[in-house]
Amino acid sequence: MTAFTAFEERAMHRALALAARGLESADPNPRVGCVIAQDGEIVGEGWHRRAGEAHAEVEALRAAGERAAGATVFVTLEPCCHQGRTPPCTDALIAARVSRVVFALRDPNPRVDGGGAARLAAAGIGIASGLLEAQAAALNAGFVKRMRDGRPWVRLKTAASLDGRTALASGESRWITGEAARADVHDWRARSSAVATGIGTVLADDPRLDVRRTRPPERAPARVVFDTRLRTPPTARLFDAPGEVIVLHAAAGGTASEAGAPLAARGARVEAVAAAAGRVDPAAALRRLGELGMNELWVEAGPTLAGALLEAGLVDEWLHYLAPKLLGPGARPLAQWPFLARLADAPRFSLAEVTALGEDLRLRLVPGGEA
């Protein structure tokens, strides 16, 4: 394993901070930052702003100018070696005559995946990898998930009372949590490729599913509806916000064509996916969203879709907002779940983080945990 100096760690931390500037804008590309250093001094920096624009390495090389020759490059992701919307970064690094490239994370894209490092090494450039790899992987969890598994990273968002209820029996749920928690939700929406919900929520609440905050988002996330029988009203408010609307259904034949036409007329992408248990198959839906370039999917849904995703093991991260209230046994549950005969059969989650947001708590959970 390569031993890195304190300066090299600081340089990569800086590259990660630069990469995070693309949190809301780089999608569907990865978030990448780059630092170029010469004799212990940073001489160039860059980060990838959005698809189609210069990659982080190219931005940093421009800033460094002639001082890039003989320098060390610190980049959060292995440099690309293929022609996409922009030329290969490996070519730019070779042309600049850098002496060494240190990258945090090997690129999981099959078009790169070690090829970038090999191309640089063949040109006589020193290579080192793995510096702050875990941090780089966490920053690009969605991109890594899509490249490796063909589907987006799924974040399930729920908000409930202390007794695990999400709404009164009447459906009233505004607002279980306070302003700070709701503002936090909009920040998470803004970094996501898409915000998804089920048809039950669309019919009951008519949500916009957009980003509403003082600072406008860098990019409008798509809105996705899991709608087995194409019951989404063309008048739904989610059509009024900027960004693409995707309606995934499992209806067949003339029914789909007839029901989908008004939605398509509103600009929606209406697509059929496989069914499971009489509903849109969540796994098939996620595969299709992966094909459409979705890295991170933020799910705000009722108990049916939330339960289906949890039961299928398709939730990668669960953000649960807990309000200091009691709604009582008649209120609506968090998720539909099969009957359990034994406590040992209950799914477990590990508590990764607890954050106070006003009077509420945000619990960040990941699947798995001690039995």
Protein backbone atom coordinates (compact mmCIF):
# COMPACT_ATOMS: atom_id res chain seq x y z
CA MET A 1 0.00 0.00 0.00
CA THR A 2 1.31 3.43 -0.94
CA ALA A 3 2.29 5.69 1.96
CA PHE A 4 1.18 9.28 1.46
CA THR A 5 2.60 12.41 3.07
CA ALA A 6 0.67 14.93 5.14
CA PHE A 7 0.84 17.42 2.25
CA GLU A 8 -0.54 14.84 -0.17
CA GLU A 9 -3.46 14.18 2.16
CA ARG A 10 -4.16 17.91 2.43
CA ALA A 11 -4.04 18.24 -1.35
CA MET A 12 -6.55 15.41 -1.80
CA HIS A 13 -8.82 16.85 0.90
CA ARG A 14 -8.77 20.09 -1.09
CA ALA A 15 -9.60 18.18 -4.28
CA LEU A 16 -12.56 16.56 -2.52
CA ALA A 17 -13.79 19.97 -1.35
CA LEU A 18 -13.61 21.20 -4.94
CA ALA A 19 -15.45 18.10 -6.18
CA ALA A 20 -18.27 18.81 -3.72
CA ARG A 21 -18.96 22.07 -5.53
CA GLY A 22 -20.51 19.93 -8.25
CA LEU A 23 -22.85 18.24 -5.79
CA GLU A 24 -25.96 19.64 -7.48
CA SER A 25 -24.69 20.28 -11.00
CA ALA A 26 -22.36 17.52 -12.26
CA ASP A 27 -25.08 14.89 -12.68
CA PRO A 28 -25.12 12.49 -14.54
CA ASN A 29 -21.34 12.74 -14.47
CA PRO A 30 -19.36 12.07 -11.30
CA ARG A 31 -18.34 14.89 -8.94
CA VAL A 32 -14.62 15.37 -9.45
CA GLY A 33 -12.05 17.81 -8.09
CA CYS A 34 -8.40 18.26 -9.01
CA VAL A 35 -5.36 19.96 -7.46
CA ILE A 36 -1.96 20.39 -9.13
CA ALA A 37 1.05 20.88 -6.87
CA GLN A 38 4.68 21.75 -7.54
CA ASP A 39 7.31 21.58 -4.77
CA GLY A 40 4.71 21.58 -1.98
CA GLU A 41 2.75 24.49 -3.44
CA ILE A 42 -0.67 24.28 -5.11
CA VAL A 43 -0.36 25.84 -8.57
CA GLY A 44 -3.73 24.91 -10.10
CA GLU A 45 -7.22 23.82 -9.08
CA GLY A 46 -10.34 22.74 -10.89
CA TRP A 47 -13.63 20.92 -10.55
CA HIS A 48 -16.24 19.50 -12.90
CA ARG A 49 -19.22 21.80 -13.04
CA ARG A 50 -21.64 20.05 -15.38
CA ALA A 51 -21.88 17.50 -18.18
CA GLY A 52 -20.44 18.80 -21.43
CA GLU A 53 -18.11 21.26 -19.72
CA ALA A 54 -14.41 20.84 -18.92
CA HIS A 55 -13.41 18.07 -16.56
CA ALA A 56 -11.64 18.87 -13.30
CA GLU A 57 -8.19 17.97 -14.65
CA VAL A 58 -8.53 20.29 -17.64
CA GLU A 59 -9.70 23.16 -15.43
CA ALA A 60 -6.74 22.65 -13.10
CA LEU A 61 -4.26 22.43 -16.00
CA ARG A 62 -5.55 25.70 -17.39
CA ALA A 63 -5.05 27.34 -14.00
CA ALA A 64 -1.56 25.89 -13.59
CA GLY A 65 -0.37 26.79 -17.08
CA GLU A 66 3.33 26.04 -17.65
CA ARG A 67 3.77 25.14 -13.97
CA ALA A 68 1.97 21.87 -14.63
CA ALA A 69 5.12 20.46 -16.24
CA GLY A 70 6.80 18.15 -13.75
CA ALA A 71 4.01 18.63 -11.19
CA THR A 72 1.94 16.14 -9.22
CA VAL A 73 -1.78 15.96 -9.95
CA PHE A 74 -4.24 15.04 -7.19
CA VAL A 75 -7.65 14.05 -8.56
CA THR A 76 -10.59 12.42 -6.80
CA LEU A 77 -11.38 9.99 -9.63
CA GLU A 78 -9.15 8.13 -12.07
CA PRO A 79 -8.70 10.32 -15.18
CA CYS A 80 -10.84 9.30 -18.13
CA CYS A 81 -9.27 7.79 -21.23
CA HIS A 82 -12.20 7.83 -23.66
CA GLN A 83 -13.80 10.41 -25.91
CA GLY A 84 -17.14 11.55 -24.55
CA ARG A 85 -18.60 15.03 -24.73
CA THR A 86 -15.06 16.20 -24.00
CA PRO A 87 -11.64 14.74 -24.97
CA PRO A 88 -9.83 12.25 -22.69
CA CYS A 89 -8.25 13.82 -19.62
CA THR A 90 -5.32 11.42 -19.94
CA ASP A 91 -4.34 13.11 -23.19
CA ALA A 92 -4.39 16.54 -21.56
CA LEU A 93 -2.24 15.33 -18.65
CA ILE A 94 0.29 13.71 -20.95
CA ALA A 95 0.47 16.83 -23.13
CA ALA A 96 1.06 18.98 -20.04
CA ARG A 97 4.03 16.75 -19.09
CA VAL A 98 2.97 16.18 -15.49
CA SER A 99 5.25 13.81 -13.59
CA ARG A 100 2.80 12.00 -11.30
CA VAL A 101 -0.93 11.47 -10.88
CA VAL A 102 -2.48 10.51 -7.55
CA PHE A 103 -6.17 9.59 -7.68
CA ALA A 104 -8.53 8.64 -4.88
CA LEU A 105 -10.97 6.26 -6.56
CA ARG A 106 -10.64 3.96 -9.54
CA ASP A 107 -13.31 4.87 -12.08
CA PRO A 108 -16.06 2.19 -12.06
CA ASN A 109 -17.11 3.20 -15.59
CA PRO A 110 -16.29 0.17 -17.80
CA ARG A 111 -14.95 2.59 -20.42
CA VAL A 112 -12.23 3.62 -17.95
CA ASP A 113 -11.85 1.20 -14.99
CA GLY A 114 -8.06 1.10 -14.84
CA GLY A 115 -7.55 2.16 -18.43
CA GLY A 116 -6.84 5.76 -17.52
CA ALA A 117 -4.09 4.77 -15.08
CA ALA A 118 -2.62 2.33 -17.61
CA ARG A 119 -2.50 4.97 -20.33
CA LEU A 120 -0.73 7.46 -18.06
CA ALA A 121 1.75 4.84 -16.85
CA ALA A 122 2.54 3.89 -20.46
CA ALA A 123 3.45 7.54 -21.05
CA GLY A 124 5.96 7.41 -18.19
CA ILE A 125 3.79 9.21 -15.62
CA GLY A 126 3.95 7.93 -12.04
CA ILE A 127 0.67 6.59 -10.66
CA ALA A 128 -0.62 6.20 -7.10
CA SER A 129 -4.18 5.50 -6.01
CA GLY A 130 -6.37 4.96 -2.96
CA LEU A 131 -5.69 8.24 -1.15
CA LEU A 132 -8.97 9.12 0.68
CA GLU A 133 -10.75 6.52 -1.43
CA ALA A 134 -13.69 6.07 0.95
CA GLN A 135 -14.47 9.80 0.95
CA ALA A 136 -14.35 9.93 -2.84
CA ALA A 137 -16.63 6.89 -3.09
CA ALA A 138 -19.15 8.42 -0.67
CA LEU A 139 -19.27 11.64 -2.66
CA ASN A 140 -20.12 9.64 -5.78
CA ALA A 141 -22.19 6.83 -4.26
CA GLY A 142 -24.83 7.20 -6.97
CA PHE A 143 -22.42 7.19 -9.91
CA VAL A 144 -20.59 4.16 -8.49
CA LYS A 145 -23.89 2.35 -7.91
CA ARG A 146 -25.09 3.01 -11.44
CA MET A 147 -21.83 1.93 -13.04
CA ARG A 148 -21.56 -1.26 -10.98
CA ASP A 149 -25.18 -2.33 -10.52
CA GLY A 150 -27.03 -0.52 -13.31
CA ARG A 151 -29.35 1.39 -11.01
CA PRO A 152 -29.30 4.61 -8.98
CA TRP A 153 -28.44 4.90 -5.31
CA VAL A 154 -31.82 4.96 -3.54
CA ARG A 155 -32.38 7.30 -0.60
CA LEU A 156 -35.71 6.75 1.10
CA LYS A 157 -37.05 9.78 2.95
CA THR A 158 -39.70 9.41 5.62
CA ALA A 159 -41.04 11.74 8.29
CA ALA A 160 -42.96 10.43 11.25
CA SER A 161 -44.07 11.01 14.81
CA LEU A 162 -42.51 9.30 17.80
CA ASP A 163 -45.01 6.47 17.38
CA GLY A 164 -44.03 5.94 13.74
CA ARG A 165 -47.03 7.57 12.10
CA THR A 166 -46.78 9.65 8.93
CA ALA A 167 -50.25 11.21 8.76
CA LEU A 168 -53.57 11.29 10.54
CA ALA A 169 -56.25 8.85 9.42
CA SER A 170 -57.76 11.70 7.39
CA GLY A 171 -54.50 12.03 5.46
CA GLU A 172 -53.49 15.30 7.10
CA SER A 173 -49.69 15.46 7.36
CA ARG A 174 -48.73 19.15 6.99
CA TRP A 175 -46.60 19.56 8.84
CA ILE A 176 -45.27 16.74 10.98
CA THR A 177 -41.77 18.19 10.99
CA GLY A 178 -40.62 21.78 11.40
CA GLU A 179 -39.09 24.30 9.00
CA ALA A 180 -35.47 23.23 9.55
CA ALA A 181 -36.23 19.62 8.65
CA ARG A 182 -38.22 20.66 5.58
CA ALA A 183 -35.39 22.92 4.41
CA ASP A 184 -32.98 20.02 4.81
CA VAL A 185 -35.20 17.87 2.58
CA HIS A 186 -34.98 20.44 -0.22
CA ASP A 187 -31.18 20.39 -0.06
CA TRP A 188 -31.24 16.61 -0.46
CA ARG A 189 -33.70 16.92 -3.34
CA ALA A 190 -31.41 19.43 -5.06
CA ARG A 191 -28.45 17.01 -5.18
CA SER A 192 -30.57 14.13 -6.49
CA SER A 193 -31.00 13.08 -10.11
CA ALA A 194 -34.71 12.64 -9.49
CA VAL A 195 -37.38 12.77 -6.81
CA ALA A 196 -39.74 9.79 -6.89
CA THR A 197 -43.10 8.97 -5.40
CA GLY A 198 -46.00 6.58 -5.89
CA ILE A 199 -49.35 7.21 -7.53
CA GLY A 200 -51.10 7.06 -4.15
CA THR A 201 -49.20 10.12 -2.97
CA VAL A 202 -49.86 11.94 -6.24
CA LEU A 203 -53.61 11.35 -5.95
CA ALA A 204 -53.81 12.10 -2.23
CA ASP A 205 -51.43 15.07 -1.87
CA ASP A 206 -50.80 16.42 -5.41
CA PRO A 207 -47.15 17.22 -4.56
CA ARG A 208 -44.86 19.35 -6.72
CA LEU A 209 -41.75 17.30 -5.89
CA ASP A 210 -39.51 20.24 -6.81
CA VAL A 211 -36.80 22.16 -4.98
CA ARG A 212 -38.10 25.19 -3.08
CA ARG A 213 -35.58 27.28 -1.20
CA THR A 214 -34.06 30.77 -1.27
CA ARG A 215 -31.03 29.60 -3.26
CA PRO A 216 -32.21 28.11 -6.56
CA PRO A 217 -30.95 24.64 -7.47
CA GLU A 218 -28.14 24.28 -9.99
CA ARG A 219 -30.27 21.79 -11.92
CA ALA A 220 -33.91 20.80 -11.63
CA PRO A 221 -34.22 17.13 -10.61
CA ALA A 222 -36.59 15.00 -12.62
CA ARG A 223 -39.84 13.85 -11.01
CA VAL A 224 -40.66 10.14 -11.20
CA VAL A 225 -44.05 8.55 -10.52
CA PHE A 226 -44.48 4.80 -9.97
CA ASP A 227 -47.94 4.50 -11.53
CA THR A 228 -48.98 0.94 -12.40
CA ARG A 229 -52.25 1.76 -14.21
CA LEU A 230 -51.45 5.28 -15.45
CA ARG A 231 -53.76 7.17 -13.12
CA THR A 232 -51.59 10.31 -12.89
CA PRO A 233 -53.83 13.31 -13.68
CA PRO A 234 -52.54 15.56 -16.48
CA THR A 235 -53.47 18.44 -14.16
CA ALA A 236 -51.09 17.25 -11.40
CA ARG A 237 -48.91 20.01 -9.93
CA LEU A 238 -45.72 18.09 -10.63
CA PHE A 239 -46.10 19.14 -14.28
CA ASP A 240 -45.88 22.81 -13.27
CA ALA A 241 -42.28 22.71 -12.01
CA PRO A 242 -39.14 22.79 -14.20
CA GLY A 243 -37.45 19.52 -15.06
CA GLU A 244 -38.49 16.25 -16.67
CA VAL A 245 -41.46 14.17 -15.50
CA ILE A 246 -41.14 10.38 -15.87
CA VAL A 247 -44.15 8.12 -15.37
CA LEU A 248 -43.33 4.44 -15.04
CA HIS A 249 -46.26 2.07 -15.51
CA ALA A 250 -47.12 -1.58 -16.04
CA ALA A 251 -50.31 -1.12 -18.05
CA ALA A 252 -50.55 -3.00 -21.33
CA GLY A 253 -51.93 -2.59 -24.83
CA GLY A 254 -54.51 0.01 -25.72
CA THR A 255 -55.03 0.96 -22.09
CA ALA A 256 -51.49 2.26 -21.84
CA SER A 257 -51.67 4.13 -25.13
CA GLU A 258 -54.96 5.80 -24.26
CA ALA A 259 -54.08 6.73 -20.67
CA GLY A 260 -50.53 7.79 -21.45
CA ALA A 261 -51.34 10.17 -24.30
CA PRO A 262 -52.53 13.09 -22.11
CA LEU A 263 -49.43 12.72 -19.92
CA ALA A 264 -47.15 12.69 -22.94
CA ALA A 265 -48.95 15.80 -24.17
CA ARG A 266 -47.91 17.49 -20.91
CA GLY A 267 -44.29 16.61 -21.72
CA ALA A 268 -43.96 13.48 -19.59
CA ARG A 269 -41.79 10.53 -20.54
CA VAL A 270 -44.24 7.64 -20.20
CA GLU A 271 -42.58 4.22 -20.10
CA ALA A 272 -43.69 0.67 -19.41
CA VAL A 273 -41.65 -1.57 -17.10
CA ALA A 274 -42.22 -5.09 -15.83
CA ALA A 275 -44.82 -5.79 -13.18
CA ALA A 276 -44.46 -7.72 -9.92
CA ALA A 277 -47.30 -8.60 -7.56
CA GLY A 278 -49.68 -6.54 -9.70
CA ARG A 279 -47.62 -3.35 -9.44
CA VAL A 280 -44.64 -1.74 -11.12
CA ASP A 281 -41.65 -3.93 -10.29
CA PRO A 282 -39.35 -1.66 -8.24
CA ALA A 283 -36.21 -3.43 -9.44
CA ALA A 284 -37.23 -3.07 -13.09
CA ALA A 285 -38.10 0.58 -12.54
CA LEU A 286 -34.70 1.28 -10.99
CA ARG A 287 -32.90 -0.48 -13.83
CA ARG A 288 -34.70 1.76 -16.31
CA LEU A 289 -33.80 4.87 -14.33
CA GLY A 290 -30.20 3.71 -14.36
CA GLU A 291 -30.37 3.42 -18.15
CA LEU A 292 -31.63 7.00 -18.22
CA GLY A 293 -28.49 8.16 -16.36
CA MET A 294 -29.94 8.60 -12.88
CA ASN A 295 -27.27 8.48 -10.17
CA GLU A 296 -29.23 9.32 -7.01
CA LEU A 297 -32.94 8.74 -6.50
CA TRP A 298 -34.67 10.53 -3.62
CA VAL A 299 -37.90 8.70 -2.73
CA GLU A 300 -40.70 10.45 -0.86
CA ALA A 301 -43.60 8.06 -0.89
CA GLY A 302 -46.43 6.53 1.06
CA PRO A 303 -46.34 3.18 2.87
CA THR A 304 -46.94 1.07 -0.26
CA LEU A 305 -43.91 2.16 -2.31
CA ALA A 306 -41.73 2.65 0.76
CA GLY A 307 -42.55 -0.86 1.94
CA ALA A 308 -41.99 -2.37 -1.51
CA LEU A 309 -38.52 -0.84 -1.80
CA LEU A 310 -37.57 -1.89 1.72
CA GLU A 311 -38.90 -5.42 1.28
CA ALA A 312 -37.00 -5.82 -2.01
CA GLY A 313 -33.76 -4.66 -0.39
CA LEU A 314 -33.48 -1.72 -2.78
CA VAL A 315 -32.99 1.04 -0.21
CA ASP A 316 -29.32 2.02 0.05
CA GLU A 317 -29.80 4.82 2.56
CA TRP A 318 -32.78 5.81 4.71
CA LEU A 319 -33.23 9.36 5.98
CA HIS A 320 -35.91 9.33 8.64
CA TYR A 321 -37.07 12.65 10.12
CA LEU A 322 -38.43 12.12 13.63
CA ALA A 323 -40.79 14.71 15.11
CA PRO A 324 -41.50 14.96 18.89
CA LYS A 325 -45.22 14.28 18.47
CA LEU A 326 -47.70 11.46 19.00
CA LEU A 327 -50.39 10.81 16.37
CA GLY A 328 -52.04 7.74 17.87
CA PRO A 329 -52.90 4.23 16.65
CA GLY A 330 -55.44 5.38 14.07
CA ALA A 331 -52.85 7.37 12.11
CA ARG A 332 -51.15 6.07 9.00
CA PRO A 333 -48.10 3.79 9.24
CA LEU A 334 -44.62 4.38 7.94
CA ALA A 335 -44.42 1.43 5.55
CA GLN A 336 -46.42 -1.63 4.59
CA TRP A 337 -44.59 -4.71 5.83
CA PRO A 338 -45.40 -8.43 5.83
CA PHE A 339 -46.58 -10.04 9.05
CA LEU A 340 -43.66 -11.23 11.16
CA ALA A 341 -43.95 -14.26 13.40
CA ARG A 342 -40.56 -13.78 15.03
CA LEU A 343 -38.72 -10.69 16.14
CA ALA A 344 -35.55 -12.22 14.70
CA ASP A 345 -37.07 -11.83 11.20
CA ALA A 346 -37.32 -8.05 11.48
CA PRO A 347 -34.97 -6.21 9.10
CA ARG A 348 -32.25 -4.25 10.84
CA PHE A 349 -30.52 -0.99 10.00
CA SER A 350 -27.35 0.60 11.27
CA LEU A 351 -27.54 4.14 12.58
CA ALA A 352 -24.91 6.04 10.60
CA GLU A 353 -25.72 9.56 11.77
CA VAL A 354 -28.08 11.56 13.97
CA THR A 355 -28.59 15.26 13.20
CA ALA A 356 -30.70 17.74 15.16
CA LEU A 357 -32.82 20.00 12.94
CA GLY A 358 -34.73 22.41 15.12
CA GLU A 359 -36.94 20.30 17.36
CA ASP A 360 -36.69 17.30 15.02
CA LEU A 361 -34.06 14.63 14.47
CA ARG A 362 -32.78 13.26 11.19
CA LEU A 363 -31.68 9.64 11.44
CA ARG A 364 -29.47 8.43 8.61
CA LEU A 365 -29.71 4.64 8.41
CA VAL A 366 -28.08 2.03 6.21
CA PRO A 367 -29.22 -1.58 5.71
CA GLY A 368 -27.78 -4.22 8.00
CA GLY A 369 -26.80 -4.33 11.62
CA GLU A 370 -26.09 -6.69 14.44
CA ALA A 371 -28.68 -9.42 14.88
